[in-house]
Amino acid sequence: MPWHIYILECKDGKLYTGITNNLSRRIKAHNSGNGCRYTKYRAPVKLLYSEEVLDKPSALKREIQIKRLRRPKKLALIAK
């Protein structure tokens, strides 16, 4: 089963990056307040970007790479 790295935009304009193996379920969880503490009070969220990888270790490595980027670089990645 493939894994997804995703970037969400919260209602306050902040970006959140995460991983999941079920993207639609995870977005619903974020929007219902059950996704994570960061997005709980920033819902609703909007999916801006996702990329698919083969396994969880690859997803974790890519998530770390993206989280280390500053906002302008994340926005450039989203715009591709």
N, C-alpha and C. Protein backbone atom coordinates (compact mmCIF):
# COMPACT_ATOMS: atom_id res chain seq x y z
N MET A 1 0.85 -1.18 0.00
CA MET A 1 0.00 0.00 0.00
C MET A 1 0.89 1.25 0.00
N PRO A 2 0.63 2.18 -0.90
CA PRO A 2 1.48 3.38 -0.97
C PRO A 2 1.23 4.33 0.21
N TRP A 3 2.22 5.13 0.49
CA TRP A 3 2.14 6.16 1.53
C TRP A 3 2.14 7.52 0.84
N HIS A 4 1.56 8.51 1.50
CA HIS A 4 1.47 9.86 0.97
C HIS A 4 2.11 10.84 1.93
N ILE A 5 2.87 11.77 1.39
CA ILE A 5 3.34 12.93 2.13
C ILE A 5 2.43 14.06 1.67
N TYR A 6 1.92 14.85 2.60
CA TYR A 6 0.96 15.88 2.22
C TYR A 6 1.25 17.19 2.94
N ILE A 7 0.82 18.26 2.31
CA ILE A 7 0.90 19.59 2.92
C ILE A 7 -0.50 20.16 2.94
N LEU A 8 -0.91 20.61 4.12
CA LEU A 8 -2.22 21.22 4.30
C LEU A 8 -2.07 22.70 4.58
N GLU A 9 -3.07 23.46 4.19
CA GLU A 9 -3.14 24.86 4.60
C GLU A 9 -4.27 24.95 5.62
N CYS A 10 -3.93 25.47 6.80
CA CYS A 10 -4.91 25.63 7.87
C CYS A 10 -5.68 26.92 7.66
N LYS A 11 -6.78 27.09 8.41
CA LYS A 11 -7.61 28.28 8.24
C LYS A 11 -6.88 29.56 8.57
N ASP A 12 -5.82 29.48 9.38
CA ASP A 12 -5.03 30.67 9.71
C ASP A 12 -3.88 30.90 8.73
N GLY A 13 -3.81 30.09 7.65
CA GLY A 13 -2.80 30.26 6.62
C GLY A 13 -1.51 29.51 6.87
N LYS A 14 -1.38 28.86 8.02
CA LYS A 14 -0.17 28.10 8.32
C LYS A 14 -0.19 26.79 7.56
N LEU A 15 1.00 26.26 7.30
CA LEU A 15 1.15 25.00 6.58
C LEU A 15 1.46 23.87 7.55
N TYR A 16 0.92 22.71 7.27
CA TYR A 16 1.17 21.50 8.07
C TYR A 16 1.57 20.39 7.12
N THR A 17 2.63 19.67 7.46
CA THR A 17 3.11 18.55 6.65
C THR A 17 2.97 17.27 7.44
N GLY A 18 2.49 16.22 6.79
CA GLY A 18 2.34 14.93 7.45
C GLY A 18 2.41 13.79 6.46
N ILE A 19 2.27 12.56 7.00
CA ILE A 19 2.25 11.36 6.16
C ILE A 19 1.05 10.51 6.54
N THR A 20 0.62 9.68 5.60
CA THR A 20 -0.48 8.75 5.85
C THR A 20 -0.50 7.68 4.77
N ASN A 21 -1.19 6.59 5.06
CA ASN A 21 -1.40 5.58 4.02
C ASN A 21 -2.84 5.62 3.51
N ASN A 22 -3.64 6.57 4.02
CA ASN A 22 -5.01 6.77 3.55
C ASN A 22 -5.29 8.27 3.58
N LEU A 23 -5.05 8.93 2.49
CA LEU A 23 -5.08 10.39 2.43
C LEU A 23 -6.47 10.96 2.70
N SER A 24 -7.49 10.43 2.07
CA SER A 24 -8.84 11.00 2.27
C SER A 24 -9.30 10.85 3.72
N ARG A 25 -9.03 9.71 4.32
CA ARG A 25 -9.41 9.51 5.73
C ARG A 25 -8.67 10.48 6.64
N ARG A 26 -7.39 10.71 6.34
CA ARG A 26 -6.58 11.60 7.18
C ARG A 26 -7.05 13.05 7.09
N ILE A 27 -7.40 13.50 5.89
CA ILE A 27 -7.91 14.87 5.72
C ILE A 27 -9.21 15.03 6.50
N LYS A 28 -10.10 14.03 6.41
CA LYS A 28 -11.34 14.08 7.19
C LYS A 28 -11.06 14.14 8.68
N ALA A 29 -10.06 13.39 9.14
CA ALA A 29 -9.70 13.41 10.56
C ALA A 29 -9.21 14.79 10.97
N HIS A 30 -8.37 15.41 10.15
CA HIS A 30 -7.89 16.76 10.45
C HIS A 30 -9.06 17.74 10.53
N ASN A 31 -9.98 17.66 9.60
CA ASN A 31 -11.10 18.59 9.56
C ASN A 31 -12.13 18.37 10.67
N SER A 32 -12.15 17.16 11.23
CA SER A 32 -13.08 16.88 12.33
C SER A 32 -12.46 17.17 13.69
N GLY A 33 -11.17 17.58 13.69
CA GLY A 33 -10.50 17.88 14.95
C GLY A 33 -9.80 16.70 15.57
N ASN A 34 -9.76 15.57 14.87
CA ASN A 34 -9.12 14.36 15.39
C ASN A 34 -7.82 14.01 14.68
N GLY A 35 -7.31 14.90 13.84
CA GLY A 35 -6.10 14.61 13.08
C GLY A 35 -4.84 14.70 13.91
N CYS A 36 -4.64 15.83 14.54
CA CYS A 36 -3.49 16.05 15.41
C CYS A 36 -3.73 17.34 16.19
N ARG A 37 -2.91 17.53 17.19
CA ARG A 37 -3.08 18.72 18.04
C ARG A 37 -2.86 20.01 17.25
N TYR A 38 -1.91 20.00 16.31
CA TYR A 38 -1.59 21.22 15.55
C TYR A 38 -2.78 21.72 14.75
N THR A 39 -3.50 20.81 14.11
CA THR A 39 -4.61 21.23 13.25
C THR A 39 -5.96 21.26 13.98
N LYS A 40 -6.01 20.77 15.20
CA LYS A 40 -7.28 20.67 15.93
C LYS A 40 -8.02 22.01 15.98
N TYR A 41 -7.30 23.08 16.28
CA TYR A 41 -7.92 24.40 16.40
C TYR A 41 -7.68 25.28 15.17
N ARG A 42 -7.13 24.67 14.12
CA ARG A 42 -6.86 25.41 12.89
C ARG A 42 -7.70 24.89 11.73
N ALA A 43 -8.68 24.06 12.03
CA ALA A 43 -9.55 23.50 10.98
C ALA A 43 -10.56 24.57 10.56
N PRO A 44 -11.04 24.54 9.36
CA PRO A 44 -10.83 23.49 8.38
C PRO A 44 -9.48 23.65 7.67
N VAL A 45 -9.00 22.51 7.18
CA VAL A 45 -7.74 22.50 6.45
C VAL A 45 -8.03 22.19 4.99
N LYS A 46 -7.09 22.59 4.14
CA LYS A 46 -7.23 22.36 2.70
C LYS A 46 -5.96 21.68 2.20
N LEU A 47 -6.12 20.61 1.45
CA LEU A 47 -4.98 19.90 0.88
C LEU A 47 -4.38 20.73 -0.25
N LEU A 48 -3.10 21.06 -0.12
CA LEU A 48 -2.41 21.82 -1.16
C LEU A 48 -1.48 20.95 -2.00
N TYR A 49 -0.96 19.88 -1.40
CA TYR A 49 0.08 19.10 -2.08
C TYR A 49 0.11 17.70 -1.51
N SER A 50 0.35 16.72 -2.36
CA SER A 50 0.63 15.37 -1.89
C SER A 50 1.55 14.69 -2.89
N GLU A 51 2.34 13.80 -2.36
CA GLU A 51 3.18 12.97 -3.23
C GLU A 51 3.15 11.56 -2.68
N GLU A 52 3.24 10.60 -3.56
CA GLU A 52 3.13 9.20 -3.19
C GLU A 52 4.50 8.55 -3.19
N VAL A 53 4.75 7.71 -2.17
CA VAL A 53 5.98 6.92 -2.09
C VAL A 53 5.59 5.48 -1.80
N LEU A 54 6.55 4.58 -1.92
CA LEU A 54 6.24 3.15 -1.81
C LEU A 54 6.07 2.63 -0.40
N ASP A 55 6.82 3.19 0.56
CA ASP A 55 6.77 2.62 1.90
C ASP A 55 6.91 3.69 2.98
N LYS A 56 6.64 3.29 4.22
CA LYS A 56 6.65 4.24 5.34
C LYS A 56 8.04 4.84 5.60
N PRO A 57 9.12 4.06 5.56
CA PRO A 57 10.44 4.68 5.78
C PRO A 57 10.74 5.80 4.76
N SER A 58 10.37 5.59 3.51
CA SER A 58 10.57 6.62 2.48
C SER A 58 9.71 7.83 2.77
N ALA A 59 8.48 7.60 3.22
CA ALA A 59 7.59 8.71 3.55
C ALA A 59 8.13 9.52 4.71
N LEU A 60 8.64 8.86 5.74
CA LEU A 60 9.21 9.56 6.89
C LEU A 60 10.41 10.41 6.50
N LYS A 61 11.27 9.87 5.65
CA LYS A 61 12.45 10.63 5.19
C LYS A 61 12.04 11.86 4.39
N ARG A 62 11.08 11.68 3.51
CA ARG A 62 10.63 12.81 2.69
C ARG A 62 9.90 13.85 3.53
N GLU A 63 9.13 13.40 4.51
CA GLU A 63 8.45 14.33 5.41
C GLU A 63 9.46 15.21 6.14
N ILE A 64 10.53 14.63 6.61
CA ILE A 64 11.57 15.39 7.30
C ILE A 64 12.19 16.41 6.35
N GLN A 65 12.46 15.99 5.12
CA GLN A 65 13.03 16.92 4.13
C GLN A 65 12.11 18.11 3.92
N ILE A 66 10.82 17.86 3.77
CA ILE A 66 9.87 18.94 3.52
C ILE A 66 9.71 19.82 4.75
N LYS A 67 9.65 19.23 5.92
CA LYS A 67 9.48 20.02 7.15
C LYS A 67 10.67 20.95 7.39
N ARG A 68 11.83 20.60 6.90
CA ARG A 68 13.02 21.45 7.06
C ARG A 68 13.02 22.66 6.12
N LEU A 69 12.17 22.63 5.10
CA LEU A 69 12.11 23.74 4.16
C LEU A 69 11.42 24.95 4.79
N ARG A 70 11.86 26.12 4.43
CA ARG A 70 11.17 27.33 4.85
C ARG A 70 9.92 27.50 3.99
N ARG A 71 9.01 28.32 4.45
CA ARG A 71 7.72 28.50 3.78
C ARG A 71 7.84 28.81 2.29
N PRO A 72 8.71 29.75 1.86
CA PRO A 72 8.80 30.03 0.42
C PRO A 72 9.17 28.79 -0.41
N LYS A 73 10.03 27.95 0.11
CA LYS A 73 10.43 26.74 -0.62
C LYS A 73 9.27 25.74 -0.65
N LYS A 74 8.51 25.66 0.45
CA LYS A 74 7.33 24.78 0.45
C LYS A 74 6.31 25.26 -0.57
N LEU A 75 6.11 26.57 -0.64
CA LEU A 75 5.16 27.10 -1.62
C LEU A 75 5.63 26.86 -3.05
N ALA A 76 6.94 26.92 -3.26
CA ALA A 76 7.49 26.60 -4.59
C ALA A 76 7.26 25.13 -4.93
N LEU A 77 7.41 24.26 -3.95
CA LEU A 77 7.15 22.84 -4.16
C LEU A 77 5.68 22.61 -4.52
N ILE A 78 4.80 23.29 -3.82
CA ILE A 78 3.37 23.17 -4.08
C ILE A 78 3.03 23.67 -5.48
N ALA A 79 3.70 24.73 -5.93
CA ALA A 79 3.40 25.33 -7.23
C ALA A 79 3.85 24.48 -8.41
N LYS A 80 4.72 23.53 -8.20
CA LYS A 80 5.22 22.69 -9.31
C LYS A 80 4.13 21.92 -9.97
